[in-house]
Amino acid sequence: MMSTREIGAEGEAEAVRYLKKQGYKILERNVATNHGEIDVIARHQKDIVFLEVKLRNTAEFGRPEDAVDRRKQLKIIKSAMEYIKAKRLSGNNFRFDVLAIGPGETELFVNAFPVPAEYTL
């Protein structure tokens, strides 16, 4: 039986293959910051995209995208802000996508959540 970490790694590899087919250029994966981890950072058209990948093997715990609640969104936003500052990327277009991989389906939510006004990217 595969460990949770192995399942996650397999799901992320599937996510990267899917994103590349959608025209995303993968810049980095599993970027650790003081606020958490960003699963995938990519370029898509004119945007730098911070992607959260959620994988569910069963529907027992709900849909994968439902796990990206407001608390998780704020962690991703804070992590992105730290990354943008460290890489001196201000002035670019940024967005947050969620890739949900569930039993038998993969769904990409483009611009999945807004950035609150008090956070400046």
N, C-alpha and C. Protein backbone atom coordinates (compact mmCIF):
# COMPACT_ATOMS: atom_id res chain seq x y z
N MET A 1 0.85 -1.19 0.00
CA MET A 1 0.00 0.00 0.00
C MET A 1 0.89 1.24 0.00
N MET A 2 0.49 2.25 -0.75
CA MET A 2 1.28 3.47 -0.86
C MET A 2 1.05 4.36 0.36
N SER A 3 2.11 5.05 0.77
CA SER A 3 1.99 6.00 1.88
C SER A 3 1.29 7.27 1.39
N THR A 4 0.85 8.07 2.34
CA THR A 4 0.21 9.35 2.00
C THR A 4 1.16 10.22 1.20
N ARG A 5 2.43 10.22 1.57
CA ARG A 5 3.43 11.01 0.86
C ARG A 5 3.58 10.52 -0.59
N GLU A 6 3.60 9.20 -0.79
CA GLU A 6 3.72 8.64 -2.14
C GLU A 6 2.49 8.96 -2.99
N ILE A 7 1.32 8.89 -2.37
CA ILE A 7 0.08 9.22 -3.09
C ILE A 7 0.11 10.69 -3.50
N GLY A 8 0.55 11.55 -2.58
CA GLY A 8 0.65 12.98 -2.87
C GLY A 8 1.62 13.26 -4.00
N ALA A 9 2.78 12.59 -3.99
CA ALA A 9 3.78 12.78 -5.04
C ALA A 9 3.25 12.32 -6.38
N GLU A 10 2.52 11.21 -6.38
CA GLU A 10 1.94 10.70 -7.62
C GLU A 10 0.87 11.68 -8.14
N GLY A 11 0.06 12.20 -7.23
CA GLY A 11 -0.96 13.17 -7.62
C GLY A 11 -0.36 14.44 -8.18
N GLU A 12 0.73 14.88 -7.56
CA GLU A 12 1.39 16.09 -8.05
C GLU A 12 2.02 15.87 -9.42
N ALA A 13 2.59 14.70 -9.64
CA ALA A 13 3.15 14.39 -10.97
C ALA A 13 2.04 14.39 -12.01
N GLU A 14 0.89 13.83 -11.66
CA GLU A 14 -0.27 13.85 -12.57
C GLU A 14 -0.71 15.29 -12.82
N ALA A 15 -0.69 16.11 -11.78
CA ALA A 15 -1.08 17.52 -11.90
C ALA A 15 -0.15 18.25 -12.86
N VAL A 16 1.14 18.04 -12.74
CA VAL A 16 2.11 18.71 -13.61
C VAL A 16 1.90 18.30 -15.07
N ARG A 17 1.66 17.03 -15.31
CA ARG A 17 1.38 16.58 -16.69
C ARG A 17 0.14 17.28 -17.23
N TYR A 18 -0.90 17.34 -16.42
CA TYR A 18 -2.15 17.99 -16.83
C TYR A 18 -1.91 19.47 -17.12
N LEU A 19 -1.21 20.16 -16.23
CA LEU A 19 -0.97 21.59 -16.40
C LEU A 19 -0.16 21.88 -17.66
N LYS A 20 0.84 21.07 -17.94
CA LYS A 20 1.64 21.25 -19.16
C LYS A 20 0.77 21.12 -20.40
N LYS A 21 -0.17 20.18 -20.39
CA LYS A 21 -1.08 20.02 -21.52
C LYS A 21 -1.99 21.24 -21.69
N GLN A 22 -2.23 21.95 -20.59
CA GLN A 22 -3.07 23.14 -20.62
C GLN A 22 -2.26 24.40 -20.97
N GLY A 23 -0.96 24.24 -21.22
CA GLY A 23 -0.14 25.37 -21.63
C GLY A 23 0.61 26.07 -20.50
N TYR A 24 0.62 25.48 -19.33
CA TYR A 24 1.36 26.06 -18.20
C TYR A 24 2.83 25.68 -18.32
N LYS A 25 3.71 26.63 -18.02
CA LYS A 25 5.14 26.36 -17.95
C LYS A 25 5.49 26.29 -16.47
N ILE A 26 5.90 25.13 -16.01
CA ILE A 26 6.19 24.92 -14.60
C ILE A 26 7.51 25.61 -14.25
N LEU A 27 7.46 26.50 -13.26
CA LEU A 27 8.65 27.21 -12.82
C LEU A 27 9.27 26.54 -11.59
N GLU A 28 8.44 26.19 -10.63
CA GLU A 28 8.93 25.54 -9.40
C GLU A 28 7.83 24.68 -8.81
N ARG A 29 8.26 23.71 -8.00
CA ARG A 29 7.33 22.83 -7.29
C ARG A 29 7.72 22.77 -5.82
N ASN A 30 6.71 22.60 -4.98
CA ASN A 30 6.92 22.42 -3.53
C ASN A 30 7.83 23.49 -2.93
N VAL A 31 7.43 24.73 -3.10
CA VAL A 31 8.22 25.85 -2.60
C VAL A 31 7.82 26.13 -1.15
N ALA A 32 8.78 25.96 -0.25
CA ALA A 32 8.54 26.19 1.18
C ALA A 32 8.79 27.65 1.52
N THR A 33 7.86 28.23 2.28
CA THR A 33 8.02 29.59 2.78
C THR A 33 7.77 29.56 4.28
N ASN A 34 7.89 30.70 4.92
CA ASN A 34 7.61 30.78 6.35
C ASN A 34 6.12 30.59 6.65
N HIS A 35 5.27 30.72 5.65
CA HIS A 35 3.83 30.62 5.86
C HIS A 35 3.25 29.30 5.40
N GLY A 36 4.03 28.50 4.73
CA GLY A 36 3.54 27.22 4.23
C GLY A 36 4.23 26.85 2.94
N GLU A 37 3.61 25.96 2.21
CA GLU A 37 4.20 25.47 0.96
C GLU A 37 3.29 25.80 -0.21
N ILE A 38 3.91 26.18 -1.31
CA ILE A 38 3.18 26.39 -2.56
C ILE A 38 3.45 25.15 -3.41
N ASP A 39 2.38 24.47 -3.82
CA ASP A 39 2.54 23.22 -4.55
C ASP A 39 3.24 23.41 -5.89
N VAL A 40 2.72 24.35 -6.69
CA VAL A 40 3.28 24.58 -8.02
C VAL A 40 3.25 26.07 -8.32
N ILE A 41 4.35 26.57 -8.87
CA ILE A 41 4.39 27.93 -9.39
C ILE A 41 4.66 27.79 -10.88
N ALA A 42 3.81 28.45 -11.68
CA ALA A 42 3.91 28.29 -13.12
C ALA A 42 3.66 29.62 -13.82
N ARG A 43 3.99 29.63 -15.09
CA ARG A 43 3.64 30.78 -15.92
C ARG A 43 2.57 30.27 -16.89
N HIS A 44 1.50 31.05 -17.02
CA HIS A 44 0.45 30.72 -17.96
C HIS A 44 0.05 32.01 -18.65
N GLN A 45 0.29 32.06 -19.95
CA GLN A 45 0.08 33.27 -20.73
C GLN A 45 0.89 34.41 -20.08
N LYS A 46 0.25 35.48 -19.65
CA LYS A 46 0.99 36.60 -19.07
C LYS A 46 1.04 36.58 -17.55
N ASP A 47 0.51 35.52 -16.94
CA ASP A 47 0.41 35.46 -15.48
C ASP A 47 1.42 34.52 -14.85
N ILE A 48 1.85 34.89 -13.66
CA ILE A 48 2.54 33.94 -12.79
C ILE A 48 1.44 33.37 -11.91
N VAL A 49 1.36 32.03 -11.88
CA VAL A 49 0.25 31.35 -11.22
C VAL A 49 0.77 30.55 -10.03
N PHE A 50 0.11 30.74 -8.90
CA PHE A 50 0.38 29.95 -7.71
C PHE A 50 -0.74 28.92 -7.64
N LEU A 51 -0.35 27.65 -7.72
CA LEU A 51 -1.35 26.58 -7.79
C LEU A 51 -1.35 25.72 -6.54
N GLU A 52 -2.55 25.47 -6.07
CA GLU A 52 -2.77 24.51 -5.00
C GLU A 52 -3.33 23.26 -5.64
N VAL A 53 -2.70 22.12 -5.39
CA VAL A 53 -3.15 20.85 -5.94
C VAL A 53 -3.82 20.07 -4.81
N LYS A 54 -5.05 19.66 -5.05
CA LYS A 54 -5.78 18.87 -4.06
C LYS A 54 -6.19 17.55 -4.70
N LEU A 55 -5.89 16.47 -4.01
CA LEU A 55 -6.13 15.12 -4.50
C LEU A 55 -7.05 14.39 -3.53
N ARG A 56 -8.06 13.74 -4.06
CA ARG A 56 -8.94 12.88 -3.26
C ARG A 56 -9.13 11.58 -4.03
N ASN A 57 -8.91 10.46 -3.35
CA ASN A 57 -9.11 9.16 -3.98
C ASN A 57 -10.55 8.69 -3.87
N THR A 58 -11.28 9.24 -2.91
CA THR A 58 -12.69 8.91 -2.72
C THR A 58 -13.45 10.20 -2.44
N ALA A 59 -14.76 10.12 -2.51
CA ALA A 59 -15.61 11.28 -2.21
C ALA A 59 -15.95 11.34 -0.72
N GLU A 60 -15.39 10.43 0.06
CA GLU A 60 -15.71 10.32 1.49
C GLU A 60 -15.50 11.63 2.25
N PHE A 61 -14.47 12.38 1.90
CA PHE A 61 -14.17 13.62 2.61
C PHE A 61 -14.56 14.86 1.81
N GLY A 62 -15.42 14.69 0.83
CA GLY A 62 -15.88 15.82 0.03
C GLY A 62 -15.02 16.01 -1.22
N ARG A 63 -15.36 17.04 -1.95
CA ARG A 63 -14.65 17.35 -3.19
C ARG A 63 -13.28 17.94 -2.85
N PRO A 64 -12.27 17.68 -3.68
CA PRO A 64 -10.92 18.17 -3.39
C PRO A 64 -10.86 19.68 -3.24
N GLU A 65 -11.55 20.41 -4.11
CA GLU A 65 -11.49 21.88 -4.08
C GLU A 65 -12.07 22.47 -2.81
N ASP A 66 -12.95 21.73 -2.14
CA ASP A 66 -13.54 22.23 -0.90
C ASP A 66 -12.52 22.34 0.24
N ALA A 67 -11.41 21.64 0.10
CA ALA A 67 -10.37 21.68 1.12
C ALA A 67 -9.58 22.99 1.08
N VAL A 68 -9.75 23.77 0.03
CA VAL A 68 -9.05 25.06 -0.07
C VAL A 68 -9.98 26.13 0.50
N ASP A 69 -10.12 26.09 1.82
CA ASP A 69 -11.00 27.03 2.50
C ASP A 69 -10.30 28.38 2.68
N ARG A 70 -10.98 29.33 3.29
CA ARG A 70 -10.43 30.68 3.43
C ARG A 70 -9.11 30.68 4.20
N ARG A 71 -9.01 29.87 5.23
CA ARG A 71 -7.76 29.79 6.00
C ARG A 71 -6.61 29.33 5.11
N LYS A 72 -6.85 28.31 4.30
CA LYS A 72 -5.83 27.79 3.39
C LYS A 72 -5.49 28.83 2.32
N GLN A 73 -6.50 29.53 1.82
CA GLN A 73 -6.27 30.56 0.82
C GLN A 73 -5.35 31.65 1.36
N LEU A 74 -5.58 32.08 2.59
CA LEU A 74 -4.73 33.13 3.17
C LEU A 74 -3.30 32.65 3.36
N LYS A 75 -3.11 31.38 3.72
CA LYS A 75 -1.76 30.84 3.82
C LYS A 75 -1.05 30.87 2.47
N ILE A 76 -1.79 30.51 1.43
CA ILE A 76 -1.22 30.51 0.07
C ILE A 76 -0.88 31.94 -0.35
N ILE A 77 -1.77 32.88 -0.07
CA ILE A 77 -1.53 34.28 -0.42
C ILE A 77 -0.29 34.80 0.31
N LYS A 78 -0.17 34.53 1.59
CA LYS A 78 0.99 35.00 2.36
C LYS A 78 2.27 34.36 1.84
N SER A 79 2.20 33.08 1.50
CA SER A 79 3.37 32.39 0.93
C SER A 79 3.75 33.02 -0.40
N ALA A 80 2.75 33.32 -1.22
CA ALA A 80 3.02 33.95 -2.52
C ALA A 80 3.65 35.32 -2.34
N MET A 81 3.15 36.10 -1.38
CA MET A 81 3.72 37.42 -1.13
C MET A 81 5.20 37.31 -0.75
N GLU A 82 5.51 36.35 0.09
CA GLU A 82 6.91 36.13 0.49
C GLU A 82 7.76 35.74 -0.73
N TYR A 83 7.24 34.86 -1.56
CA TYR A 83 7.96 34.41 -2.76
C TYR A 83 8.19 35.58 -3.72
N ILE A 84 7.14 36.38 -3.95
CA ILE A 84 7.23 37.52 -4.87
C ILE A 84 8.30 38.49 -4.40
N LYS A 85 8.32 38.75 -3.10
CA LYS A 85 9.31 39.68 -2.54
C LYS A 85 10.72 39.10 -2.68
N ALA A 86 10.89 37.84 -2.33
CA ALA A 86 12.21 37.20 -2.39
C ALA A 86 12.75 37.14 -3.81
N LYS A 87 11.88 36.91 -4.78
CA LYS A 87 12.29 36.78 -6.19
C LYS A 87 12.22 38.10 -6.95
N ARG A 88 11.81 39.17 -6.25
CA ARG A 88 11.67 40.50 -6.86
C ARG A 88 10.80 40.45 -8.12
N LEU A 89 9.60 39.94 -7.94
CA LEU A 89 8.69 39.75 -9.07
C LEU A 89 7.55 40.75 -9.11
N SER A 90 7.56 41.74 -8.22
CA SER A 90 6.45 42.69 -8.23
C SER A 90 6.37 43.36 -9.60
N GLY A 91 5.18 43.74 -9.99
CA GLY A 91 4.97 44.31 -11.31
C GLY A 91 4.44 43.30 -12.31
N ASN A 92 4.47 42.03 -11.95
CA ASN A 92 3.91 40.98 -12.81
C ASN A 92 2.42 40.79 -12.50
N ASN A 93 1.75 40.08 -13.37
CA ASN A 93 0.36 39.67 -13.09
C ASN A 93 0.40 38.34 -12.35
N PHE A 94 -0.40 38.25 -11.29
CA PHE A 94 -0.43 37.04 -10.48
C PHE A 94 -1.86 36.55 -10.36
N ARG A 95 -2.00 35.23 -10.19
CA ARG A 95 -3.32 34.68 -9.89
C ARG A 95 -3.13 33.37 -9.13
N PHE A 96 -4.25 32.92 -8.57
CA PHE A 96 -4.26 31.70 -7.76
C PHE A 96 -5.24 30.71 -8.37
N ASP A 97 -4.71 29.57 -8.79
CA ASP A 97 -5.54 28.51 -9.36
C ASP A 97 -5.55 27.32 -8.41
N VAL A 98 -6.60 26.53 -8.51
CA VAL A 98 -6.69 25.28 -7.75
C VAL A 98 -6.91 24.16 -8.75
N LEU A 99 -6.11 23.10 -8.62
CA LEU A 99 -6.28 21.92 -9.46
C LEU A 99 -6.81 20.81 -8.57
N ALA A 100 -8.04 20.39 -8.83
CA ALA A 100 -8.70 19.36 -8.04
C ALA A 100 -8.67 18.04 -8.80
N ILE A 101 -8.08 17.03 -8.18
CA ILE A 101 -8.00 15.71 -8.79
C ILE A 101 -8.81 14.77 -7.91
N GLY A 102 -9.93 14.30 -8.46
CA GLY A 102 -10.81 13.41 -7.71
C GLY A 102 -10.98 12.11 -8.45
N PRO A 103 -11.78 11.23 -7.89
CA PRO A 103 -11.99 9.93 -8.54
C PRO A 103 -12.57 10.12 -9.94
N GLY A 104 -11.77 9.82 -10.94
CA GLY A 104 -12.24 9.86 -12.31
C GLY A 104 -12.33 11.24 -12.95
N GLU A 105 -11.93 12.30 -12.25
CA GLU A 105 -12.01 13.62 -12.88
C GLU A 105 -10.93 14.56 -12.35
N THR A 106 -10.53 15.45 -13.22
CA THR A 106 -9.58 16.51 -12.89
C THR A 106 -10.21 17.82 -13.32
N GLU A 107 -10.23 18.78 -12.41
CA GLU A 107 -10.85 20.07 -12.73
C GLU A 107 -9.91 21.19 -12.30
N LEU A 108 -9.71 22.13 -13.21
CA LEU A 108 -8.85 23.28 -12.96
C LEU A 108 -9.72 24.50 -12.71
N PHE A 109 -9.52 25.13 -11.57
CA PHE A 109 -10.24 26.34 -11.21
C PHE A 109 -9.27 27.51 -11.40
N VAL A 110 -9.46 28.24 -12.48
CA VAL A 110 -8.62 29.38 -12.82
C VAL A 110 -9.10 30.58 -12.02
N ASN A 111 -8.14 31.32 -11.44
CA ASN A 111 -8.50 32.48 -10.62
C ASN A 111 -9.47 32.04 -9.53
N ALA A 112 -9.10 31.00 -8.81
CA ALA A 112 -9.99 30.31 -7.87
C ALA A 112 -10.43 31.16 -6.70
N PHE A 113 -9.59 32.10 -6.30
CA PHE A 113 -9.99 32.95 -5.17
C PHE A 113 -9.32 34.32 -5.28
N PRO A 114 -10.01 35.34 -4.78
CA PRO A 114 -9.48 36.71 -4.87
C PRO A 114 -8.48 36.98 -3.74
N VAL A 115 -7.69 38.01 -3.95
CA VAL A 115 -6.76 38.47 -2.92
C VAL A 115 -7.45 39.62 -2.19
N PRO A 116 -7.59 39.51 -0.86
CA PRO A 116 -8.22 40.59 -0.11
C PRO A 116 -7.43 41.90 -0.27
N ALA A 117 -8.14 43.00 -0.18
CA ALA A 117 -7.54 44.32 -0.41
C ALA A 117 -6.37 44.61 0.52
N GLU A 118 -6.40 44.04 1.73
CA GLU A 118 -5.30 44.34 2.67
C GLU A 118 -3.99 43.64 2.31
N TYR A 119 -4.03 42.74 1.33
CA TYR A 119 -2.82 42.07 0.87
C TYR A 119 -2.44 42.63 -0.49
N THR A 120 -1.23 43.12 -0.60
CA THR A 120 -0.77 43.68 -1.86
C THR A 120 0.27 42.76 -2.47
N LEU A 121 0.02 42.33 -3.70
CA LEU A 121 0.98 41.46 -4.39
C LEU A 121 1.89 42.28 -5.26
